[in-house]
N, C-alpha and C. Protein backbone atom coordinates (compact mmCIF):
# COMPACT_ATOMS: atom_id res chain seq x y z
N MET A 1 -95.07 38.30 -20.82
CA MET A 1 -95.80 38.93 -21.91
C MET A 1 -95.38 40.38 -22.06
N GLY A 2 -95.14 41.08 -20.96
CA GLY A 2 -94.75 42.47 -21.02
C GLY A 2 -93.41 42.66 -21.71
N SER A 3 -92.48 41.71 -21.48
CA SER A 3 -91.18 41.82 -22.13
C SER A 3 -91.29 41.56 -23.63
N GLU A 4 -92.25 40.74 -24.04
CA GLU A 4 -92.47 40.50 -25.48
C GLU A 4 -92.96 41.78 -26.16
N VAL A 5 -93.86 42.49 -25.50
CA VAL A 5 -94.38 43.74 -26.05
C VAL A 5 -93.26 44.77 -26.11
N ALA A 6 -92.47 44.87 -25.04
CA ALA A 6 -91.36 45.82 -25.01
C ALA A 6 -90.35 45.47 -26.10
N GLY A 7 -90.10 44.19 -26.30
CA GLY A 7 -89.17 43.76 -27.34
C GLY A 7 -89.68 44.11 -28.72
N ALA A 8 -90.98 43.93 -28.94
CA ALA A 8 -91.58 44.26 -30.24
C ALA A 8 -91.52 45.76 -30.50
N VAL A 9 -91.77 46.55 -29.48
CA VAL A 9 -91.71 48.01 -29.62
C VAL A 9 -90.28 48.44 -29.91
N ALA A 10 -89.33 47.88 -29.18
CA ALA A 10 -87.93 48.22 -29.40
C ALA A 10 -87.50 47.84 -30.82
N GLU A 11 -87.95 46.68 -31.28
CA GLU A 11 -87.61 46.23 -32.63
C GLU A 11 -88.17 47.19 -33.68
N GLN A 12 -89.39 47.65 -33.47
CA GLN A 12 -90.01 48.60 -34.40
C GLN A 12 -89.26 49.93 -34.41
N LEU A 13 -88.85 50.40 -33.24
CA LEU A 13 -88.11 51.66 -33.15
C LEU A 13 -86.76 51.56 -33.85
N VAL A 14 -86.06 50.46 -33.61
CA VAL A 14 -84.75 50.27 -34.25
C VAL A 14 -84.93 50.16 -35.76
N SER A 15 -85.95 49.44 -36.18
CA SER A 15 -86.22 49.29 -37.61
C SER A 15 -86.50 50.64 -38.26
N LYS A 16 -87.30 51.45 -37.62
CA LYS A 16 -87.65 52.78 -38.14
C LYS A 16 -86.40 53.66 -38.21
N ALA A 17 -85.59 53.63 -37.17
CA ALA A 17 -84.36 54.43 -37.16
C ALA A 17 -83.41 53.98 -38.25
N LEU A 18 -83.30 52.68 -38.45
CA LEU A 18 -82.43 52.15 -39.49
C LEU A 18 -82.94 52.54 -40.87
N ASP A 19 -84.24 52.45 -41.07
CA ASP A 19 -84.83 52.85 -42.36
C ASP A 19 -84.54 54.33 -42.66
N GLU A 20 -84.67 55.18 -41.66
CA GLU A 20 -84.40 56.61 -41.85
C GLU A 20 -82.92 56.86 -42.15
N ALA A 21 -82.04 56.14 -41.46
CA ALA A 21 -80.61 56.30 -41.70
C ALA A 21 -80.25 55.85 -43.11
N VAL A 22 -80.81 54.72 -43.54
CA VAL A 22 -80.55 54.21 -44.88
C VAL A 22 -81.06 55.21 -45.92
N SER A 23 -82.22 55.79 -45.67
CA SER A 23 -82.78 56.77 -46.59
C SER A 23 -81.84 57.97 -46.76
N ARG A 24 -81.30 58.46 -45.64
CA ARG A 24 -80.36 59.58 -45.71
C ARG A 24 -79.08 59.21 -46.45
N ILE A 25 -78.62 57.98 -46.24
CA ILE A 25 -77.40 57.52 -46.90
C ILE A 25 -77.63 57.40 -48.41
N VAL A 26 -78.79 56.91 -48.80
CA VAL A 26 -79.11 56.78 -50.22
C VAL A 26 -79.16 58.16 -50.87
N LYS A 27 -79.73 59.13 -50.18
CA LYS A 27 -79.76 60.50 -50.72
C LYS A 27 -78.35 61.03 -50.89
N LYS A 28 -77.48 60.74 -49.93
CA LYS A 28 -76.10 61.17 -50.01
C LYS A 28 -75.40 60.53 -51.21
N LEU A 29 -75.65 59.26 -51.42
CA LEU A 29 -75.09 58.57 -52.58
C LEU A 29 -75.59 59.18 -53.89
N ALA A 30 -76.86 59.50 -53.92
CA ALA A 30 -77.46 60.09 -55.13
C ALA A 30 -76.81 61.42 -55.47
N GLN A 31 -76.31 62.10 -54.46
CA GLN A 31 -75.64 63.39 -54.67
C GLN A 31 -74.17 63.20 -55.06
N GLY A 32 -73.71 61.95 -55.09
CA GLY A 32 -72.33 61.67 -55.48
C GLY A 32 -71.32 61.86 -54.37
N LYS A 33 -71.79 61.94 -53.14
CA LYS A 33 -70.88 62.15 -52.01
C LYS A 33 -70.31 60.82 -51.54
N LYS A 34 -69.15 60.88 -50.90
CA LYS A 34 -68.51 59.69 -50.35
C LYS A 34 -69.18 59.30 -49.04
N LEU A 35 -69.18 58.00 -48.77
CA LEU A 35 -69.75 57.50 -47.52
C LEU A 35 -68.65 57.31 -46.48
N THR A 36 -69.05 57.49 -45.23
CA THR A 36 -68.14 57.21 -44.13
C THR A 36 -68.17 55.71 -43.84
N ASP A 37 -67.21 55.26 -43.06
CA ASP A 37 -67.19 53.85 -42.66
C ASP A 37 -68.47 53.49 -41.91
N SER A 38 -68.95 54.40 -41.08
CA SER A 38 -70.17 54.15 -40.31
C SER A 38 -71.37 53.99 -41.22
N GLU A 39 -71.44 54.80 -42.24
CA GLU A 39 -72.57 54.71 -43.18
C GLU A 39 -72.54 53.40 -43.95
N ILE A 40 -71.35 52.97 -44.33
CA ILE A 40 -71.22 51.67 -45.01
C ILE A 40 -71.64 50.55 -44.07
N ALA A 41 -71.25 50.65 -42.81
CA ALA A 41 -71.64 49.63 -41.82
C ALA A 41 -73.15 49.59 -41.65
N ILE A 42 -73.80 50.75 -41.66
CA ILE A 42 -75.26 50.81 -41.54
C ILE A 42 -75.91 50.12 -42.73
N LEU A 43 -75.39 50.34 -43.93
CA LEU A 43 -75.94 49.68 -45.11
C LEU A 43 -75.79 48.16 -45.02
N TYR A 44 -74.61 47.70 -44.57
CA TYR A 44 -74.42 46.27 -44.38
C TYR A 44 -75.38 45.71 -43.33
N MET A 45 -75.52 46.43 -42.22
CA MET A 45 -76.42 45.99 -41.16
C MET A 45 -77.84 45.86 -41.68
N ASN A 46 -78.26 46.80 -42.49
CA ASN A 46 -79.60 46.77 -43.05
C ASN A 46 -79.79 45.52 -43.91
N GLN A 47 -78.81 45.20 -44.73
CA GLN A 47 -78.91 44.02 -45.58
C GLN A 47 -78.93 42.74 -44.77
N VAL A 48 -78.10 42.67 -43.74
CA VAL A 48 -78.07 41.49 -42.88
C VAL A 48 -79.41 41.30 -42.18
N LEU A 49 -79.98 42.38 -41.66
CA LEU A 49 -81.27 42.29 -40.97
C LEU A 49 -82.38 41.86 -41.92
N LYS A 50 -82.34 42.33 -43.16
CA LYS A 50 -83.35 41.91 -44.14
C LYS A 50 -83.25 40.41 -44.41
N ARG A 51 -82.03 39.91 -44.51
CA ARG A 51 -81.84 38.47 -44.75
C ARG A 51 -82.27 37.64 -43.54
N VAL A 52 -81.95 38.12 -42.35
CA VAL A 52 -82.37 37.40 -41.14
C VAL A 52 -83.89 37.37 -41.06
N ASP A 53 -84.54 38.49 -41.36
CA ASP A 53 -86.01 38.54 -41.36
C ASP A 53 -86.59 37.56 -42.37
N ALA A 54 -85.98 37.48 -43.54
CA ALA A 54 -86.47 36.56 -44.58
C ALA A 54 -86.34 35.11 -44.13
N VAL A 55 -85.21 34.78 -43.51
CA VAL A 55 -85.02 33.41 -43.00
C VAL A 55 -86.00 33.12 -41.88
N ASP A 56 -86.21 34.10 -41.01
CA ASP A 56 -87.16 33.94 -39.91
C ASP A 56 -88.56 33.66 -40.43
N ARG A 57 -88.97 34.40 -41.47
CA ARG A 57 -90.29 34.16 -42.06
C ARG A 57 -90.40 32.77 -42.65
N ARG A 58 -89.33 32.33 -43.32
CA ARG A 58 -89.35 30.98 -43.92
C ARG A 58 -89.45 29.91 -42.84
N ILE A 59 -88.73 30.09 -41.76
CA ILE A 59 -88.80 29.12 -40.66
C ILE A 59 -90.20 29.08 -40.06
N LYS A 60 -90.79 30.25 -39.83
CA LYS A 60 -92.15 30.31 -39.29
C LYS A 60 -93.14 29.65 -40.23
N ASP A 61 -92.97 29.87 -41.55
CA ASP A 61 -93.86 29.24 -42.53
C ASP A 61 -93.74 27.72 -42.49
N LEU A 62 -92.53 27.22 -42.31
CA LEU A 62 -92.34 25.78 -42.26
C LEU A 62 -92.94 25.16 -41.00
N MET A 63 -92.99 25.93 -39.93
CA MET A 63 -93.50 25.41 -38.65
C MET A 63 -95.02 25.48 -38.57
N THR A 64 -95.67 26.19 -39.48
CA THR A 64 -97.12 26.28 -39.41
C THR A 64 -97.78 25.38 -40.43
């Protein structure tokens, strides 16, 4: 049970950090600046995680 709580906390921290990074990247884009390869990778990662979360929710809905 303790590892589940630690995992949930870690997931929330990573999610928050990713949200903040994406926010900064979006501001940079709005200013017309070029993105680095790392920033593009972060945007892709964000999209992949959103899709995985959506699939996870659908699976959980089907199981209940």
